[in-house]
Amino acid sequence: MDSSSTFAISAAGMALERTRVEVAALNLANAHTTQAAGQPGFAPMQVVAQAAPAGAFAALMQGGATAAALAPEFRVEPTGAAPRLVHEPGHPLADANGFVSYPAVDPATEMMSLIGATRAYEANVAAMNTTRTLALKALDIGGQS
């Protein structure tokens, strides 16, 4: 496996983690947006990633596959959670019973997702930097002979 494959794997991981950060930030930004009764409001989103197929890493090591085969496939989709109802009878968007609908966003869960995605992104950056350093060192060693 050459260093370009390692760079591609790290780049794919960074793209996934960047998307997780963006989705968590979007959910947090819209956590307190109200929804008028009977109107569609903000739907919390989630990132769903699927692992590479079994045996993809072995095929890459044997030269029978590219690094793209190891890239995680992911999509952003709504969570499908029901809106959170809060009793606020004086609110202008309250329904007949005095409840206001808010998106079902849990700020603690979103912050944990944000922290985890940030740490995973940093790990991919560290792996990419290590690969770069090793490749440069190999060029130095090869240039001296």
Protein backbone atom coordinates (compact mmCIF):
# COMPACT_ATOMS: atom_id res chain seq x y z
CA MET A 1 0.00 0.00 0.00
CA ASP A 2 1.51 3.33 -1.01
CA SER A 3 1.20 6.61 0.85
CA SER A 4 -1.41 7.98 -1.55
CA SER A 5 -3.82 5.26 -0.36
CA THR A 6 -3.20 6.30 3.24
CA PHE A 7 -3.88 9.92 2.32
CA ALA A 8 -7.13 8.89 0.59
CA ILE A 9 -8.30 6.91 3.61
CA SER A 10 -7.58 9.80 5.98
CA ALA A 11 -9.27 12.27 3.63
CA ALA A 12 -12.40 10.09 3.49
CA GLY A 13 -12.48 9.91 7.29
CA MET A 14 -12.05 13.68 7.52
CA ALA A 15 -14.97 14.22 5.11
CA LEU A 16 -17.20 12.00 7.26
CA GLU A 17 -16.23 13.74 10.49
CA ARG A 18 -16.64 17.19 8.95
CA THR A 19 -20.18 16.22 7.95
CA ARG A 20 -20.88 15.00 11.51
CA VAL A 21 -19.69 18.35 12.89
CA GLU A 22 -21.84 20.29 10.41
CA VAL A 23 -24.96 18.24 11.21
CA ALA A 24 -24.46 18.58 14.99
CA ALA A 25 -23.97 22.35 14.60
CA LEU A 26 -27.11 22.58 12.45
CA ASN A 27 -29.12 20.65 15.03
CA LEU A 28 -27.83 22.82 17.88
CA ALA A 29 -28.54 26.02 15.94
CA ASN A 30 -32.15 24.97 15.40
CA ALA A 31 -32.82 23.41 18.81
CA HIS A 32 -35.03 26.31 19.92
CA THR A 33 -36.85 27.10 16.69
CA THR A 34 -40.57 26.85 17.12
CA GLN A 35 -42.98 25.05 14.91
CA ALA A 36 -46.43 26.44 14.21
CA ALA A 37 -49.26 24.02 14.94
CA GLY A 38 -49.87 21.82 11.91
CA GLN A 39 -46.86 23.23 10.04
CA PRO A 40 -43.68 21.32 9.28
CA GLY A 41 -40.73 22.61 11.25
CA PHE A 42 -37.05 21.81 11.48
CA ALA A 43 -36.38 18.08 11.48
CA PRO A 44 -33.24 17.08 13.41
CA MET A 45 -30.70 15.37 11.18
CA GLN A 46 -28.24 12.53 11.73
CA VAL A 47 -25.29 11.12 9.82
CA VAL A 48 -25.56 7.43 9.02
CA ALA A 49 -22.25 5.82 8.03
CA GLN A 50 -21.79 2.34 6.63
CA ALA A 51 -18.52 0.45 7.03
CA ALA A 52 -16.54 -0.79 4.09
CA PRO A 53 -17.40 -4.32 2.97
CA ALA A 54 -15.61 -7.21 4.66
CA GLY A 55 -12.33 -8.04 3.02
CA ALA A 56 -11.84 -4.58 1.48
CA PHE A 57 -8.75 -3.87 3.59
CA ALA A 58 -7.17 -7.22 2.69
CA ALA A 59 -7.82 -6.53 -1.00
CA LEU A 60 -6.18 -3.12 -0.65
CA MET A 61 -3.11 -4.63 1.02
CA GLN A 62 -2.77 -7.19 -1.78
CA GLY A 63 -3.09 -4.50 -4.45
CA GLY A 64 -6.45 -5.72 -5.75
CA ALA A 65 -8.44 -2.66 -4.68
CA THR A 66 -8.12 1.08 -4.37
CA ALA A 67 -8.35 3.21 -1.25
CA ALA A 68 -11.80 4.34 -2.40
CA ALA A 69 -13.06 0.86 -1.50
CA LEU A 70 -12.28 1.59 2.16
CA ALA A 71 -13.95 5.00 2.21
CA PRO A 72 -17.00 4.98 4.47
CA GLU A 73 -20.26 5.64 2.71
CA PHE A 74 -22.51 8.03 4.60
CA ARG A 75 -25.71 9.93 4.19
CA VAL A 76 -27.53 12.64 6.12
CA GLU A 77 -31.12 11.85 6.99
CA PRO A 78 -33.78 13.10 9.41
CA THR A 79 -33.94 11.34 12.76
CA GLY A 80 -37.70 10.95 12.59
CA ALA A 81 -38.10 11.94 16.25
CA ALA A 82 -41.40 13.47 17.26
CA PRO A 83 -41.32 17.18 18.16
CA ARG A 84 -40.82 18.13 21.79
CA LEU A 85 -43.93 19.77 23.26
CA VAL A 86 -43.49 22.52 25.85
CA HIS A 87 -46.39 24.06 27.75
CA GLU A 88 -46.20 27.80 27.02
CA PRO A 89 -49.79 29.09 26.87
CA GLY A 90 -48.75 32.72 26.25
CA HIS A 91 -46.58 31.90 23.22
CA PRO A 92 -48.00 33.14 19.89
CA LEU A 93 -47.42 29.75 18.25
CA ALA A 94 -49.07 27.72 21.03
CA ASP A 95 -51.79 25.30 20.02
CA ALA A 96 -55.28 25.20 21.55
CA ASN A 97 -53.92 23.34 24.63
CA GLY A 98 -51.08 25.84 25.15
CA PHE A 99 -48.26 23.63 23.85
CA VAL A 100 -45.48 24.82 21.55
CA SER A 101 -43.62 22.35 19.33
CA TYR A 102 -39.82 22.41 19.28
CA PRO A 103 -37.49 20.07 17.38
CA ALA A 104 -36.49 16.95 19.33
CA VAL A 105 -32.85 18.02 19.71
CA ASP A 106 -30.96 16.98 22.83
CA PRO A 107 -28.16 19.55 23.29
CA ALA A 108 -26.07 17.19 25.45
CA THR A 109 -26.17 14.43 22.82
CA GLU A 110 -25.34 16.89 20.05
CA MET A 111 -22.39 18.29 22.03
CA MET A 112 -21.05 14.77 22.62
CA SER A 113 -21.40 14.06 18.91
CA LEU A 114 -19.62 17.32 18.14
CA ILE A 115 -16.73 16.50 20.50
CA GLY A 116 -16.40 12.94 19.18
CA ALA A 117 -16.38 14.09 15.56
CA THR A 118 -13.80 16.77 16.32
CA ARG A 119 -11.50 14.25 18.02
CA ALA A 120 -11.87 11.77 15.15
CA TYR A 121 -11.09 14.53 12.65
CA GLU A 122 -7.96 15.41 14.64
CA ALA A 123 -6.91 11.74 14.63
CA ASN A 124 -7.23 11.63 10.83
CA VAL A 125 -5.14 14.80 10.54
CA ALA A 126 -2.48 13.23 12.78
CA ALA A 127 -2.46 10.06 10.64
CA MET A 128 -2.10 12.14 7.49
CA ASN A 129 0.76 14.16 8.99
CA THR A 130 2.53 10.98 10.11
CA THR A 131 2.23 9.51 6.62
CA ARG A 132 3.60 12.74 5.14
CA THR A 133 6.56 12.68 7.53
CA LEU A 134 7.30 9.03 6.74
CA ALA A 135 7.12 9.66 3.00
CA LEU A 136 9.49 12.63 3.27
CA LYS A 137 11.89 10.60 5.41
CA ALA A 138 11.84 7.78 2.84
CA LEU A 139 12.68 10.31 0.11
CA ASP A 140 15.57 11.62 2.22
CA ILE A 141 16.93 8.11 2.76
CA GLY A 142 16.52 7.25 -0.93
CA GLY A 143 18.20 10.47 -2.02
CA GLN A 144 21.31 9.78 0.06
CA SER A 145 22.14 6.48 -1.59
